[in-house]
């Protein structure tokens, strides 16, 4: 199984790490590492997340962070669609 970061997910990742780094570079690196480690687990266990709030997706709560990886299973890959804060209002669909 291949791991693919969608364009919006890449942008989410960069923006949140940049925002966190304004307060603490060390915390930003820690969160970035946790997000990366969680995403890499999809290669071994693509169905490890829960059913998503958006139809046809799954969600993985990233341990020790307030973030959730929203993803979709494809025949040969796991595509990460968004990196979102759990308390945030979720869209009705991902483009």
N, C-alpha and C. Protein backbone atom coordinates (compact mmCIF):
# COMPACT_ATOMS: atom_id res chain seq x y z
N UNK A 1 0.85 -1.17 0.00
CA UNK A 1 0.00 0.00 0.00
C UNK A 1 0.90 1.24 0.00
N UNK A 2 0.56 2.18 -0.83
CA UNK A 2 1.32 3.42 -0.97
C UNK A 2 0.62 4.53 -0.18
N UNK A 3 1.39 5.47 0.33
CA UNK A 3 0.86 6.63 1.05
C UNK A 3 0.98 7.86 0.17
N UNK A 4 -0.13 8.57 -0.02
CA UNK A 4 -0.14 9.78 -0.85
C UNK A 4 -0.74 10.92 -0.04
N UNK A 5 -0.03 12.03 0.03
CA UNK A 5 -0.55 13.24 0.68
C UNK A 5 -1.18 14.09 -0.41
N UNK A 6 -2.47 14.38 -0.29
CA UNK A 6 -3.14 15.28 -1.22
C UNK A 6 -2.64 16.70 -1.06
N UNK A 7 -2.87 17.51 -2.07
CA UNK A 7 -2.40 18.90 -2.03
C UNK A 7 -2.93 19.67 -0.83
N UNK A 8 -4.22 19.50 -0.54
CA UNK A 8 -4.82 20.23 0.60
C UNK A 8 -4.22 19.73 1.92
N UNK A 9 -3.98 18.44 2.03
CA UNK A 9 -3.38 17.88 3.26
C UNK A 9 -1.96 18.41 3.45
N UNK A 10 -1.20 18.51 2.37
CA UNK A 10 0.16 19.07 2.46
C UNK A 10 0.11 20.52 2.95
N UNK A 11 -0.84 21.27 2.40
CA UNK A 11 -0.98 22.68 2.80
C UNK A 11 -1.41 22.77 4.27
N UNK A 12 -2.37 21.95 4.68
CA UNK A 12 -2.79 21.92 6.09
C UNK A 12 -1.58 21.66 6.99
N UNK A 13 -0.79 20.66 6.61
CA UNK A 13 0.38 20.26 7.41
C UNK A 13 1.35 21.44 7.55
N UNK A 14 1.70 22.04 6.43
CA UNK A 14 2.65 23.17 6.45
C UNK A 14 2.12 24.33 7.29
N UNK A 15 0.84 24.67 7.10
CA UNK A 15 0.26 25.80 7.83
C UNK A 15 0.22 25.55 9.33
N UNK A 16 -0.18 24.36 9.74
CA UNK A 16 -0.29 24.13 11.19
C UNK A 16 1.09 24.05 11.83
N UNK A 17 2.05 23.44 11.17
CA UNK A 17 3.40 23.38 11.74
C UNK A 17 4.00 24.79 11.81
N UNK A 18 3.79 25.59 10.80
CA UNK A 18 4.28 26.97 10.80
C UNK A 18 3.64 27.77 11.93
N UNK A 19 2.34 27.62 12.10
CA UNK A 19 1.63 28.33 13.16
C UNK A 19 2.16 27.92 14.55
N UNK A 20 2.32 26.63 14.76
CA UNK A 20 2.82 26.14 16.06
C UNK A 20 4.24 26.65 16.30
N UNK A 21 5.06 26.69 15.24
CA UNK A 21 6.45 27.12 15.37
C UNK A 21 6.57 28.58 15.80
N UNK A 22 5.55 29.38 15.54
CA UNK A 22 5.58 30.77 16.00
C UNK A 22 5.67 30.84 17.53
N UNK A 23 5.10 29.84 18.19
CA UNK A 23 5.17 29.79 19.64
C UNK A 23 6.29 28.93 20.16
N UNK A 24 6.58 27.84 19.44
CA UNK A 24 7.62 26.91 19.88
C UNK A 24 8.04 26.00 18.73
N UNK A 25 9.27 26.17 18.32
CA UNK A 25 9.81 25.32 17.25
C UNK A 25 9.87 23.86 17.71
N UNK A 26 10.21 23.67 18.95
CA UNK A 26 10.30 22.31 19.49
C UNK A 26 8.93 21.61 19.45
N UNK A 27 7.89 22.29 19.83
CA UNK A 27 6.54 21.71 19.80
C UNK A 27 6.12 21.46 18.35
N UNK A 28 6.45 22.37 17.46
CA UNK A 28 6.10 22.19 16.04
C UNK A 28 6.76 20.93 15.49
N UNK A 29 8.03 20.72 15.82
CA UNK A 29 8.73 19.51 15.36
C UNK A 29 8.11 18.25 15.95
N UNK A 30 7.71 18.32 17.20
CA UNK A 30 7.08 17.17 17.86
C UNK A 30 5.76 16.82 17.18
N UNK A 31 4.93 17.82 16.92
CA UNK A 31 3.64 17.58 16.26
C UNK A 31 3.87 17.06 14.85
N UNK A 32 4.80 17.65 14.12
CA UNK A 32 5.10 17.19 12.75
C UNK A 32 5.52 15.72 12.76
N UNK A 33 6.37 15.35 13.70
CA UNK A 33 6.81 13.95 13.80
C UNK A 33 5.65 13.02 14.13
N UNK A 34 4.77 13.43 15.01
CA UNK A 34 3.62 12.59 15.35
C UNK A 34 2.68 12.41 14.17
N UNK A 35 2.47 13.48 13.41
CA UNK A 35 1.63 13.38 12.21
C UNK A 35 2.28 12.45 11.18
N UNK A 36 3.56 12.60 10.96
CA UNK A 36 4.28 11.73 10.01
C UNK A 36 4.23 10.27 10.44
N UNK A 37 4.47 10.01 11.71
CA UNK A 37 4.46 8.64 12.22
C UNK A 37 3.09 8.01 12.07
N UNK A 38 2.04 8.76 12.39
CA UNK A 38 0.68 8.24 12.24
C UNK A 38 0.37 7.92 10.79
N UNK A 39 0.76 8.82 9.89
CA UNK A 39 0.50 8.62 8.46
C UNK A 39 1.25 7.39 7.94
N UNK A 40 2.45 7.19 8.38
CA UNK A 40 3.24 6.04 7.91
C UNK A 40 2.61 4.71 8.32
N UNK A 41 1.83 4.72 9.39
CA UNK A 41 1.16 3.48 9.83
C UNK A 41 0.13 3.01 8.81
N UNK A 42 -0.37 3.92 7.97
CA UNK A 42 -1.36 3.54 6.95
C UNK A 42 -0.81 2.51 5.97
N UNK A 43 0.50 2.54 5.74
CA UNK A 43 1.12 1.60 4.82
C UNK A 43 0.91 0.17 5.33
N UNK A 44 0.99 0.00 6.63
CA UNK A 44 0.83 -1.33 7.24
C UNK A 44 -0.62 -1.67 7.57
N UNK A 45 -1.36 -0.67 8.00
CA UNK A 45 -2.74 -0.89 8.45
C UNK A 45 -3.66 0.20 7.88
N UNK A 46 -4.02 0.10 6.62
CA UNK A 46 -4.80 1.18 6.00
C UNK A 46 -6.20 1.39 6.58
N UNK A 47 -6.76 0.40 7.22
CA UNK A 47 -8.10 0.54 7.78
C UNK A 47 -8.09 0.79 9.29
N UNK A 48 -7.01 1.32 9.80
CA UNK A 48 -6.90 1.48 11.25
C UNK A 48 -7.73 2.65 11.79
N UNK A 49 -8.17 3.54 10.93
CA UNK A 49 -8.99 4.66 11.39
C UNK A 49 -10.45 4.30 11.51
N UNK A 50 -11.22 5.24 11.99
CA UNK A 50 -12.66 5.06 12.10
C UNK A 50 -13.34 5.58 10.83
N UNK A 51 -14.59 5.21 10.66
CA UNK A 51 -15.36 5.72 9.53
C UNK A 51 -15.45 7.24 9.66
N UNK A 52 -15.26 7.94 8.55
CA UNK A 52 -15.22 9.39 8.57
C UNK A 52 -16.57 10.06 8.59
N UNK A 53 -16.57 11.32 8.98
CA UNK A 53 -17.78 12.13 8.98
C UNK A 53 -18.19 12.52 7.57
N UNK A 54 -17.23 12.51 6.66
CA UNK A 54 -17.49 12.80 5.25
C UNK A 54 -17.62 11.46 4.53
N UNK A 55 -18.66 11.30 3.75
CA UNK A 55 -18.93 10.03 3.07
C UNK A 55 -17.71 9.52 2.30
N UNK A 56 -17.43 8.24 2.44
CA UNK A 56 -16.35 7.61 1.71
C UNK A 56 -14.96 7.83 2.28
N UNK A 57 -14.90 8.38 3.50
CA UNK A 57 -13.59 8.66 4.10
C UNK A 57 -13.45 7.94 5.44
N UNK A 58 -12.23 7.97 5.92
CA UNK A 58 -11.89 7.47 7.25
C UNK A 58 -11.15 8.57 7.97
N UNK A 59 -11.06 8.44 9.29
CA UNK A 59 -10.36 9.42 10.12
C UNK A 59 -9.47 8.70 11.11
N UNK A 60 -8.30 9.27 11.33
CA UNK A 60 -7.41 8.75 12.34
C UNK A 60 -7.05 9.88 13.29
N UNK A 61 -7.37 9.71 14.55
CA UNK A 61 -6.97 10.67 15.57
C UNK A 61 -5.49 10.44 15.84
N UNK A 62 -4.69 11.48 15.68
CA UNK A 62 -3.25 11.36 15.88
C UNK A 62 -2.96 11.43 17.37
N UNK A 63 -2.36 10.36 17.92
CA UNK A 63 -2.11 10.32 19.37
C UNK A 63 -1.34 11.54 19.87
N UNK A 64 -1.73 12.00 21.03
CA UNK A 64 -1.09 13.10 21.75
C UNK A 64 -1.09 14.41 20.97
N UNK A 65 -2.10 14.58 20.11
CA UNK A 65 -2.29 15.84 19.40
C UNK A 65 -3.80 16.09 19.29
N UNK A 66 -4.20 17.31 18.96
CA UNK A 66 -5.62 17.58 18.72
C UNK A 66 -6.00 17.39 17.24
N UNK A 67 -5.14 16.70 16.47
CA UNK A 67 -5.33 16.62 15.03
C UNK A 67 -5.86 15.27 14.55
N UNK A 68 -6.55 15.34 13.43
CA UNK A 68 -7.14 14.15 12.80
C UNK A 68 -6.70 14.14 11.34
N UNK A 69 -6.27 12.97 10.88
CA UNK A 69 -5.97 12.79 9.46
C UNK A 69 -7.22 12.22 8.80
N UNK A 70 -7.76 12.94 7.85
CA UNK A 70 -8.90 12.45 7.07
C UNK A 70 -8.33 11.83 5.81
N UNK A 71 -8.76 10.60 5.49
CA UNK A 71 -8.18 9.92 4.34
C UNK A 71 -9.20 9.07 3.61
N UNK A 72 -8.82 8.69 2.41
CA UNK A 72 -9.67 7.85 1.56
C UNK A 72 -8.81 6.67 1.08
N UNK A 73 -9.41 5.51 1.07
CA UNK A 73 -8.72 4.33 0.55
C UNK A 73 -8.90 4.27 -0.96
N UNK A 74 -7.82 4.02 -1.64
CA UNK A 74 -7.83 3.80 -3.08
C UNK A 74 -7.33 2.38 -3.33
N UNK A 75 -7.48 1.85 -4.53
CA UNK A 75 -7.08 0.46 -4.76
C UNK A 75 -5.64 0.14 -4.35
N UNK A 76 -4.70 1.04 -4.60
CA UNK A 76 -3.30 0.76 -4.28
C UNK A 76 -2.67 1.79 -3.35
N UNK A 77 -3.50 2.66 -2.77
CA UNK A 77 -2.93 3.73 -1.95
C UNK A 77 -3.91 4.21 -0.88
N UNK A 78 -3.34 4.86 0.12
CA UNK A 78 -4.11 5.61 1.10
C UNK A 78 -3.82 7.07 0.79
N UNK A 79 -4.86 7.85 0.50
CA UNK A 79 -4.71 9.27 0.17
C UNK A 79 -5.16 10.10 1.36
N UNK A 80 -4.23 10.83 1.95
CA UNK A 80 -4.58 11.74 3.04
C UNK A 80 -5.17 12.99 2.40
N UNK A 81 -6.39 13.31 2.82
CA UNK A 81 -7.13 14.42 2.23
C UNK A 81 -6.95 15.72 2.99
N UNK A 82 -6.96 15.63 4.33
CA UNK A 82 -6.88 16.83 5.18
C UNK A 82 -6.21 16.48 6.49
N UNK A 83 -5.61 17.48 7.11
CA UNK A 83 -5.14 17.42 8.48
C UNK A 83 -5.95 18.48 9.20
N UNK A 84 -6.82 18.03 10.10
CA UNK A 84 -7.75 18.97 10.72
C UNK A 84 -7.71 18.86 12.24
N UNK A 85 -7.99 19.96 12.86
CA UNK A 85 -8.12 19.97 14.31
C UNK A 85 -9.47 19.33 14.65
N UNK A 86 -9.49 18.46 15.63
CA UNK A 86 -10.69 17.72 15.97
C UNK A 86 -11.89 18.58 16.32
N UNK A 87 -11.66 19.73 16.95
CA UNK A 87 -12.77 20.59 17.38
C UNK A 87 -13.30 21.48 16.27
N UNK A 88 -12.66 21.46 15.14
CA UNK A 88 -13.04 22.32 14.03
C UNK A 88 -14.31 21.83 13.35
N UNK A 89 -15.05 22.74 12.77
CA UNK A 89 -16.24 22.37 12.02
C UNK A 89 -15.79 21.67 10.73
N UNK A 90 -16.35 20.50 10.48
CA UNK A 90 -15.94 19.69 9.34
C UNK A 90 -16.75 20.03 8.11
N UNK A 91 -16.12 19.96 6.94
CA UNK A 91 -16.85 20.21 5.70
C UNK A 91 -17.79 19.04 5.38
N UNK A 92 -18.73 19.26 4.50
CA UNK A 92 -19.64 18.19 4.11
C UNK A 92 -19.00 17.25 3.08
N UNK A 93 -17.91 17.74 2.46
CA UNK A 93 -17.18 16.90 1.51
C UNK A 93 -15.76 17.41 1.36
N UNK A 94 -14.90 16.55 0.86
CA UNK A 94 -13.52 16.93 0.54
C UNK A 94 -13.36 16.92 -0.97
N UNK A 95 -12.82 17.97 -1.52
CA UNK A 95 -12.61 18.05 -2.97
C UNK A 95 -11.25 17.52 -3.34
